[in-house]
C-alpha atoms as a PDB file:
ATOM      1  CA  MET A   1    -133.629 135.967   4.500  1.00  0.00           C
ATOM      2  CA  GLY A   2    -135.954 134.083   6.223  1.00  0.00           C
ATOM      3  CA  GLY A   3    -133.445 133.344   8.927  1.00  0.00           C
ATOM      4  CA  ILE A   4    -132.804 137.166   9.098  1.00  0.00           C
ATOM      5  CA  ILE A   5    -136.907 137.858   9.987  1.00  0.00           C
ATOM      6  CA  VAL A   6    -137.037 135.021  11.889  1.00  0.00           C
ATOM      7  CA  LEU A   7    -133.675 136.540  14.329  1.00  0.00           C
ATOM      8  CA  LEU A   8    -135.674 139.695  13.869  1.00  0.00           C
ATOM      9  CA  GLY A   9    -139.111 138.694  15.385  1.00  0.00           C
ATOM     10  CA  PHE A  10    -137.401 137.081  18.521  1.00  0.00           C
ATOM     11  CA  PRO A  11    -137.959 138.640  21.896  1.00  0.00           C
ATOM     12  CA  GLN A  12    -135.769 140.794  23.287  1.00  0.00           C
ATOM     13  CA  GLN A  13    -135.303 139.000  26.506  1.00  0.00           C
ATOM     14  CA  VAL A  14    -133.322 135.847  24.000  1.00  0.00           C
ATOM     15  CA  GLY A  15    -129.956 135.941  24.555  1.00  0.00           C
ATOM     16  CA  ALA A  16    -126.894 135.970  21.894  1.00  0.00           C
ATOM     17  CA  ALA A  17    -126.003 132.679  23.488  1.00  0.00           C
ATOM     18  CA  GLU A  18    -129.103 130.734  22.993  1.00  0.00           C
ATOM     19  CA  ILE A  19    -129.661 132.089  19.045  1.00  0.00           C
ATOM     20  CA  MET A  20    -126.286 131.102  18.538  1.00  0.00           C
ATOM     21  CA  ASP A  21    -127.149 127.593  20.302  1.00  0.00           C
ATOM     22  CA  SER A  22    -130.140 127.401  17.680  1.00  0.00           C
ATOM     23  CA  VAL A  23    -127.727 127.978  14.722  1.00  0.00           C
ATOM     24  CA  THR A  24    -125.007 125.759  15.765  1.00  0.00           C
ATOM     25  CA  SER A  25    -128.452 122.573  16.008  1.00  0.00           C
ATOM     26  CA  ALA A  26    -129.493 123.208  12.642  1.00  0.00           C
ATOM     27  CA  LEU A  27    -126.285 123.228  11.214  1.00  0.00           C
ATOM     28  CA  GLU A  28    -125.572 119.900  13.234  1.00  0.00           C
ATOM     29  CA  SER A  29    -128.662 118.809  11.738  1.00  0.00           C
ATOM     30  CA  GLY A  30    -128.189 119.310   8.152  1.00  0.00           C
ATOM     31  CA  ALA A  31    -124.216 117.898   8.350  1.00  0.00           C
ATOM     32  CA  GLY A  32    -125.306 114.463   6.629  1.00  0.00           C
ATOM     33  CA  GLU A  33    -127.158 116.493   3.706  1.00  0.00           C
ATOM     34  CA  ASN A  34    -123.830 118.458   3.407  1.00  0.00           C
ATOM     35  CA  ALA A  35    -121.767 115.599   3.077  1.00  0.00           C
ATOM     36  CA  GLU A  36    -123.998 113.721   0.579  1.00  0.00           C
ATOM     37  CA  THR A  37    -123.609 116.971  -1.582  1.00  0.00           C
ATOM     38  CA  VAL A  38    -119.862 117.309  -1.165  1.00  0.00           C
ATOM     39  CA  GLN A  39    -119.861 113.494  -2.167  1.00  0.00           C
ATOM     40  CA  LEU A  40    -121.746 114.119  -5.141  1.00  0.00           C
ATOM     41  CA  PHE A  41    -119.788 117.019  -6.547  1.00  0.00           C
ATOM     42  CA  LEU A  42    -116.686 115.492  -5.798  1.00  0.00           C
ATOM     43  CA  LEU A  43    -117.875 112.147  -7.977  1.00  0.00           C
ATOM     44  CA  LEU A  44    -119.110 114.585 -10.610  1.00  0.00           C
ATOM     45  CA  THR A  45    -115.456 116.079 -10.616  1.00  0.00           C
ATOM     46  CA  LEU A  46    -113.788 112.550 -11.070  1.00  0.00           C
ATOM     47  CA  LEU A  47    -116.526 111.785 -13.606  1.00  0.00           C
ATOM     48  CA  SER A  48    -115.670 114.670 -16.033  1.00  0.00           C
ATOM     49  CA  PHE A  49    -111.783 113.718 -15.914  1.00  0.00           C
ATOM     50  CA  GLY A  50    -112.923 110.051 -16.851  1.00  0.00           C
ATOM     51  CA  THR A  51    -112.468 109.910 -20.438  1.00  0.00           C
ATOM     52  CA  ALA A  52    -109.037 111.327 -20.126  1.00  0.00           C
ATOM     53  CA  PHE A  53    -108.136 109.176 -18.058  1.00  0.00           C
ATOM     54  CA  LEU A  54    -109.326 106.440 -20.242  1.00  0.00           C
ATOM     55  CA  VAL A  55    -107.690 107.477 -23.024  1.00  0.00           C
ATOM     56  CA  LEU A  56    -104.686 108.009 -21.661  1.00  0.00           C
ATOM     57  CA  THR A  57    -104.159 104.884 -19.459  1.00  0.00           C
ATOM     58  CA  THR A  58    -105.546 102.394 -22.365  1.00  0.00           C
ATOM     59  CA  ALA A  59    -104.567 101.270 -25.804  1.00  0.00           C
ATOM     60  CA  PHE A  60    -107.262 103.622 -27.253  1.00  0.00           C
ATOM     61  CA  THR A  61    -104.170 106.485 -28.005  1.00  0.00           C
ATOM     62  CA  ARG A  62    -102.110 104.526 -30.322  1.00  0.00           C
ATOM     63  CA  ILE A  63    -105.052 102.827 -32.235  1.00  0.00           C
ATOM     64  CA  ILE A  64    -107.122 105.955 -33.009  1.00  0.00           C
ATOM     65  CA  VAL A  65    -104.115 108.018 -34.170  1.00  0.00           C
ATOM     66  CA  VAL A  66    -102.832 105.004 -36.154  1.00  0.00           C
ATOM     67  CA  LEU A  67    -106.789 104.470 -37.777  1.00  0.00           C
ATOM     68  CA  SER A  68    -106.445 108.287 -38.679  1.00  0.00           C
ATOM     69  CA  PHE A  69    -103.026 108.075 -40.080  1.00  0.00           C
ATOM     70  CA  THR A  70    -104.232 105.262 -42.508  1.00  0.00           C
ATOM     71  CA  ARG A  71    -107.017 107.522 -43.575  1.00  0.00           C
ATOM     72  CA  SER A  72    -104.779 110.377 -44.303  1.00  0.00           C
ATOM     73  CA  SER A  73    -102.504 108.095 -46.168  1.00  0.00           C
ATOM     74  CA  LEU A  74    -105.119 106.806 -48.489  1.00  0.00           C
ATOM     75  CA  GLY A  75    -106.594 110.073 -49.304  1.00  0.00           C
ATOM     76  CA  THR A  76    -109.921 109.344 -48.846  1.00  0.00           C
ATOM     77  CA  GLN A  77    -110.614 112.756 -46.731  1.00  0.00           C
ATOM     78  CA  GLN A  78    -113.639 111.653 -44.694  1.00  0.00           C
ATOM     79  CA  ASN A  79    -114.349 108.044 -45.624  1.00  0.00           C
ATOM     80  CA  PRO A  80    -114.339 106.160 -43.413  1.00  0.00           C
ATOM     81  CA  PRO A  81    -116.338 108.478 -41.386  1.00  0.00           C
ATOM     82  CA  ASN A  82    -115.114 109.792 -37.861  1.00  0.00           C
ATOM     83  CA  MET A  83    -118.169 108.105 -36.388  1.00  0.00           C
ATOM     84  CA  VAL A  84    -116.544 104.629 -37.589  1.00  0.00           C
ATOM     85  CA  ILE A  85    -112.541 105.189 -36.814  1.00  0.00           C
ATOM     86  CA  MET A  86    -114.006 105.895 -33.704  1.00  0.00           C
ATOM     87  CA  GLY A  87    -116.177 103.104 -32.834  1.00  0.00           C
ATOM     88  CA  LEU A  88    -113.600 100.289 -34.144  1.00  0.00           C
ATOM     89  CA  ALA A  89    -111.251 102.136 -32.081  1.00  0.00           C
ATOM     90  CA  LEU A  90    -113.343 102.198 -28.938  1.00  0.00           C
ATOM     91  CA  PHE A  91    -114.195  97.754 -29.796  1.00  0.00           C
ATOM     92  CA  LEU A  92    -110.243  97.181 -30.324  1.00  0.00           C
ATOM     93  CA  THR A  93    -109.678  98.660 -27.104  1.00  0.00           C
ATOM     94  CA  LEU A  94    -111.999  96.914 -25.384  1.00  0.00           C
ATOM     95  CA  PHE A  95    -110.595  93.991 -27.210  1.00  0.00           C
ATOM     96  CA  VAL A  96    -106.769  94.709 -26.174  1.00  0.00           C
ATOM     97  CA  MET A  97    -107.946  95.804 -22.631  1.00  0.00           C
ATOM     98  CA  ARG A  98    -110.293  92.785 -21.723  1.00  0.00           C
ATOM     99  CA  PRO A  99    -107.714  90.686 -19.854  1.00  0.00           C
ATOM    100  CA  VAL A 100    -106.557  93.687 -17.527  1.00  0.00           C
ATOM    101  CA  THR A 101    -110.630  94.662 -17.028  1.00  0.00           C
ATOM    102  CA  ASP A 102    -111.437  91.161 -16.360  1.00  0.00           C
ATOM    103  CA  GLU A 103    -108.117  90.811 -13.546  1.00  0.00           C
ATOM    104  CA  ILE A 104    -109.748  94.555 -12.249  1.00  0.00           C
ATOM    105  CA  MET A 105    -113.195  93.075 -12.114  1.00  0.00           C
ATOM    106  CA  ASP A 106    -112.083  90.070 -10.169  1.00  0.00           C
ATOM    107  CA  GLU A 107    -109.819  91.386  -7.812  1.00  0.00           C
ATOM    108  CA  ALA A 108    -111.072  95.008  -7.009  1.00  0.00           C
ATOM    109  CA  ILE A 109    -114.685  95.992  -7.905  1.00  0.00           C
ATOM    110  CA  THR A 110    -116.277  92.469  -7.509  1.00  0.00           C
ATOM    111  CA  PRO A 111    -115.502  92.267  -3.601  1.00  0.00           C
ATOM    112  CA  TYR A 112    -116.133  95.739  -3.164  1.00  0.00           C
ATOM    113  CA  LEU A 113    -119.384  95.573  -4.589  1.00  0.00           C
ATOM    114  CA  ASN A 114    -119.808  92.473  -2.261  1.00  0.00           C
ATOM    115  CA  ASP A 115    -118.331  94.778   0.833  1.00  0.00           C
ATOM    116  CA  GLU A 116    -115.332  92.449   0.947  1.00  0.00           C
ATOM    117  CA  ILE A 117    -113.076  94.980   1.087  1.00  0.00           C
ATOM    118  CA  THR A 118    -112.537  99.088   1.479  1.00  0.00           C
ATOM    119  CA  ALA A 119    -112.829 101.196  -1.656  1.00  0.00           C
ATOM    120  CA  GLU A 120    -109.020 102.508  -0.790  1.00  0.00           C
ATOM    121  CA  ILE A 121    -108.147  98.884  -0.571  1.00  0.00           C
ATOM    122  CA  ALA A 122    -110.363  98.349  -4.317  1.00  0.00           C
ATOM    123  CA  LEU A 123    -108.454 101.159  -6.018  1.00  0.00           C
ATOM    124  CA  ASP A 124    -105.127  99.852  -4.999  1.00  0.00           C
ATOM    125  CA  ARG A 125    -105.882  96.840  -6.130  1.00  0.00           C
ATOM    126  CA  ALA A 126    -107.189  98.164  -9.659  1.00  0.00           C
ATOM    127  CA  GLU A 127    -104.080  99.988 -10.036  1.00  0.00           C
ATOM    128  CA  ASP A 128    -101.822  96.899 -10.200  1.00  0.00           C
ATOM    129  CA  PRO A 129    -102.943  95.343 -13.507  1.00  0.00           C
ATOM    130  CA  LEU A 130    -103.293  98.863 -14.942  1.00  0.00           C
ATOM    131  CA  LYS A 131     -99.766  99.569 -14.259  1.00  0.00           C
ATOM    132  CA  GLU A 132     -98.406  96.380 -15.366  1.00  0.00           C
ATOM    133  CA  PHE A 133    -100.379  97.048 -18.642  1.00  0.00           C
ATOM    134  CA  MET A 134     -98.653 100.559 -18.934  1.00  0.00           C
ATOM    135  CA  ALA A 135     -95.163 100.007 -18.345  1.00  0.00           C
ATOM    136  CA  ALA A 136     -95.224  96.886 -20.011  1.00  0.00           C
ATOM    137  CA  GLN A 137     -95.630  99.457 -23.039  1.00  0.00           C
ATOM    138  CA  THR A 138     -94.066 102.661 -22.073  1.00  0.00           C
ATOM    139  CA  ARG A 139     -90.367 103.310 -22.431  1.00  0.00           C
ATOM    140  CA  GLU A 140     -87.907 103.747 -19.340  1.00  0.00           C
ATOM    141  CA  LYS A 141     -86.787 106.883 -21.042  1.00  0.00           C
ATOM    142  CA  ASP A 142     -90.013 108.474 -21.024  1.00  0.00           C
ATOM    143  CA  ILE A 143     -90.421 107.711 -17.233  1.00  0.00           C
ATOM    144  CA  GLN A 144     -87.304 108.683 -16.389  1.00  0.00           C
ATOM    145  CA  LEU A 145     -87.868 112.113 -17.926  1.00  0.00           C
ATOM    146  CA  PHE A 146     -90.981 112.477 -15.846  1.00  0.00           C
ATOM    147  CA  LEU A 147     -89.082 111.381 -12.611  1.00  0.00           C
ATOM    148  CA  ASP A 148     -86.389 114.034 -12.985  1.00  0.00           C
ATOM    149  CA  ILE A 149     -88.842 116.842 -13.974  1.00  0.00           C
ATOM    150  CA  SER A 150     -91.028 116.290 -10.912  1.00  0.00           C
ATOM    151  CA  GLY A 151     -87.852 115.456  -8.563  1.00  0.00           C
ATOM    152  CA  GLU A 152     -89.245 111.667  -7.545  1.00  0.00           C
ATOM    153  CA  SER A 153     -86.484 109.010  -6.260  1.00  0.00           C
ATOM    154  CA  GLN A 154     -86.239 106.100  -8.405  1.00  0.00           C
ATOM    155  CA  PRO A 155     -89.170 103.561  -6.957  1.00  0.00           C
ATOM    156  CA  GLU A 156     -88.061 100.428  -6.227  1.00  0.00           C
ATOM    157  CA  ASN A 157     -90.674  98.594  -7.895  1.00  0.00           C
ATOM    158  CA  LEU A 158     -93.387  99.113  -9.770  1.00  0.00           C
ATOM    159  CA  GLU A 159     -95.812  99.094  -7.051  1.00  0.00           C
ATOM    160  CA  GLU A 160     -94.032 102.638  -6.101  1.00  0.00           C
ATOM    161  CA  LEU A 161     -94.075 104.199  -9.116  1.00  0.00           C
ATOM    162  CA  PRO A 162     -97.045 106.828  -9.077  1.00  0.00           C
ATOM    163  CA  MET A 163     -99.561 107.015 -12.221  1.00  0.00           C
ATOM    164  CA  MET A 164     -99.016 110.713 -12.334  1.00  0.00           C
ATOM    165  CA  ILE A 165     -95.769 109.807 -13.373  1.00  0.00           C
ATOM    166  CA  LEU A 166     -96.581 106.333 -15.500  1.00  0.00           C
ATOM    167  CA  THR A 167     -99.517 107.583 -17.013  1.00  0.00           C
ATOM    168  CA  PRO A 168     -97.672 111.201 -19.208  1.00  0.00           C
ATOM    169  CA  ALA A 169     -94.847 108.537 -20.096  1.00  0.00           C
ATOM    170  CA  PHE A 170     -97.096 105.939 -21.260  1.00  0.00           C
ATOM    171  CA  ALA A 171     -98.892 108.678 -23.129  1.00  0.00           C
ATOM    172  CA  ILE A 172     -95.992 110.028 -25.041  1.00  0.00           C
ATOM    173  CA  SER A 173     -94.521 106.299 -25.614  1.00  0.00           C
ATOM    174  CA  GLU A 174     -97.879 105.480 -27.201  1.00  0.00           C
ATOM    175  CA  LEU A 175     -97.790 108.394 -29.279  1.00  0.00           C
ATOM    176  CA  ARG A 176     -94.209 107.815 -30.458  1.00  0.00           C
ATOM    177  CA  THR A 177     -95.163 104.678 -31.618  1.00  0.00           C
ATOM    178  CA  ALA A 178     -98.322 105.495 -33.208  1.00  0.00           C
ATOM    179  CA  PHE A 179     -96.124 108.126 -35.022  1.00  0.00           C
ATOM    180  CA  THR A 180     -94.155 105.260 -36.219  1.00  0.00           C
ATOM    181  CA  ILE A 181     -96.392 103.156 -37.331  1.00  0.00           C
ATOM    182  CA  GLY A 182     -98.176 105.674 -39.122  1.00  0.00           C
ATOM    183  CA  PHE A 183     -94.635 106.612 -41.365  1.00  0.00           C
ATOM    184  CA  LEU A 184     -94.735 102.754 -42.552  1.00  0.00           C
ATOM    185  CA  ILE A 185     -98.417 103.333 -43.578  1.00  0.00           C
ATOM    186  CA  PHE A 186     -97.757 106.525 -45.557  1.00  0.00           C
ATOM    187  CA  ILE A 187     -94.373 105.140 -47.840  1.00  0.00           C
ATOM    188  CA  PRO A 188     -96.311 102.689 -49.913  1.00  0.00           C
ATOM    189  CA  PHE A 189     -98.964 105.387 -51.152  1.00  0.00           C
ATOM    190  CA  LEU A 190     -96.712 108.205 -51.156  1.00  0.00           C
ATOM    191  CA  VAL A 191     -94.457 106.474 -53.884  1.00  0.00           C
ATOM    192  CA  ILE A 192     -97.644 106.046 -55.526  1.00  0.00           C
ATOM    193  CA  ASP A 193     -98.262 109.742 -55.265  1.00  0.00           C
ATOM    194  CA  MET A 194     -94.511 109.956 -56.729  1.00  0.00           C
ATOM    195  CA  VAL A 195     -94.823 107.847 -59.537  1.00  0.00           C
ATOM    196  CA  VAL A 196     -98.481 109.114 -60.746  1.00  0.00           C
ATOM    197  CA  ALA A 197     -96.837 112.515 -60.255  1.00  0.00           C
ATOM    198  CA  SER A 198     -93.965 111.721 -62.419  1.00  0.00           C
ATOM    199  CA  ILE A 199     -95.803 110.237 -65.131  1.00  0.00           C
ATOM    200  CA  LEU A 200     -98.457 113.614 -65.377  1.00  0.00           C
ATOM    201  CA  MET A 201     -95.832 115.644 -65.592  1.00  0.00           C
ATOM    202  CA  SER A 202     -93.881 113.317 -68.430  1.00  0.00           C
ATOM    203  CA  MET A 203     -97.342 113.663 -70.379  1.00  0.00           C
ATOM    204  CA  GLY A 204     -97.703 117.176 -69.884  1.00  0.00           C
ATOM    205  CA  MET A 205    -100.911 116.750 -67.918  1.00  0.00           C
ATOM    206  CA  PHE A 206    -100.146 119.671 -65.797  1.00  0.00           C
ATOM    207  CA  MET A 207    -103.666 120.676 -64.993  1.00  0.00           C
ATOM    208  CA  LEU A 208    -104.746 117.373 -63.757  1.00  0.00           C
ATOM    209  CA  SER A 209    -104.816 116.698 -60.283  1.00  0.00           C
ATOM    210  CA  PRO A 210    -102.587 113.553 -59.603  1.00  0.00           C
ATOM    211  CA  VAL A 211    -104.333 112.924 -56.243  1.00  0.00           C
ATOM    212  CA  MET A 212    -107.110 112.236 -58.079  1.00  0.00           C
ATOM    213  CA  ILE A 213    -105.325 109.957 -60.610  1.00  0.00           C
ATOM    214  CA  SER A 214    -103.585 107.896 -57.685  1.00  0.00           C
ATOM    215  CA  LEU A 215    -106.556 107.439 -55.431  1.00  0.00           C
ATOM    216  CA  PRO A 216    -107.836 105.112 -57.509  1.00  0.00           C
ATOM    217  CA  PHE A 217    -104.431 103.050 -57.722  1.00  0.00           C
ATOM    218  CA  LYS A 218    -103.896 103.120 -53.684  1.00  0.00           C
ATOM    219  CA  LEU A 219    -107.563 102.335 -53.316  1.00  0.00           C
ATOM    220  CA  LEU A 220    -106.679  99.058 -55.209  1.00  0.00           C
ATOM    221  CA  LEU A 221    -103.459  98.744 -53.398  1.00  0.00           C
ATOM    222  CA  PHE A 222    -104.984  98.516 -49.850  1.00  0.00           C
ATOM    223  CA  VAL A 223    -107.923  95.969 -50.658  1.00  0.00           C
ATOM    224  CA  LEU A 224    -105.406  93.702 -52.437  1.00  0.00           C
ATOM    225  CA  VAL A 225    -102.860  93.729 -50.103  1.00  0.00           C
ATOM    226  CA  ASP A 226    -105.887  93.241 -47.476  1.00  0.00           C
ATOM    227  CA  GLY A 227    -105.129  96.422 -45.622  1.00  0.00           C
ATOM    228  CA  TRP A 228    -107.688  96.702 -42.560  1.00  0.00           C
ATOM    229  CA  TYR A 229    -106.613  93.055 -41.585  1.00  0.00           C
ATOM    230  CA  LEU A 230    -102.629  93.831 -41.816  1.00  0.00           C
ATOM    231  CA  VAL A 231    -103.563  97.581 -39.634  1.00  0.00           C
ATOM    232  CA  VAL A 232    -105.740  95.784 -37.046  1.00  0.00           C
ATOM    233  CA  GLU A 233    -103.482  92.772 -37.166  1.00  0.00           C
ATOM    234  CA  SER A 234    -100.437  95.164 -36.274  1.00  0.00           C
ATOM    235  CA  LEU A 235    -102.684  97.182 -33.751  1.00  0.00           C
ATOM    236  CA  VAL A 236    -103.742  94.346 -31.275  1.00  0.00           C
ATOM    237  CA  SER A 237    -100.401  92.125 -31.928  1.00  0.00           C
ATOM    238  CA  GLY A 238     -98.210  95.145 -30.756  1.00  0.00           C
ATOM    239  CA  PHE A 239     -99.913  95.350 -27.130  1.00  0.00           C
ATOM    240  CA  GLN A 240     -99.058  90.928 -26.753  1.00  0.00           C
END
């Protein structure tokens, strides 16, 4: 509005060419600020996708699903609480991903911060160890599925495999592995539930909940076999 008032206040002898020159020079003077604004907007957009990227490209997916299955198989409802499950999954993910993050830090982030390489080179270097980790946990069948869907040609090596193909393939492979582990965890507790239900039915105690009776026995079994140790050991060793 202020710009319109200024233009209307110009003397009549000021030509249109002079007005356009003034507007152009004003836009050029603010080009630096506009570029910084666009860069900030792009950075915030990338950060909004950062959580999904970290979840789908690290060990977090398998770990959190297996821990959730463990709690469900015990039948303890909200014990351990969600905060404990999420915190344990996060630190186990950091532990599993430590070799990958150390390599990314040494090969990409540190040289970039020291102005030794450009941002493009840093991104290329950061992708290599992450791709190696993801490819080691991904079935070739899942990679081929997304290659066929996208119409991409078969890459000659891992470096040519796009992250847009490897990321969803890695995610569904991790979900398959997590569900397999969850099925194995459910079996012994399901047996306990069936035995307790059969005993209660044979005794005619139909009004008594089998879940309430079997819960102490499941907790006792889990403690005796050191269940959390076995679950964490199988999760961590599965990525090595």
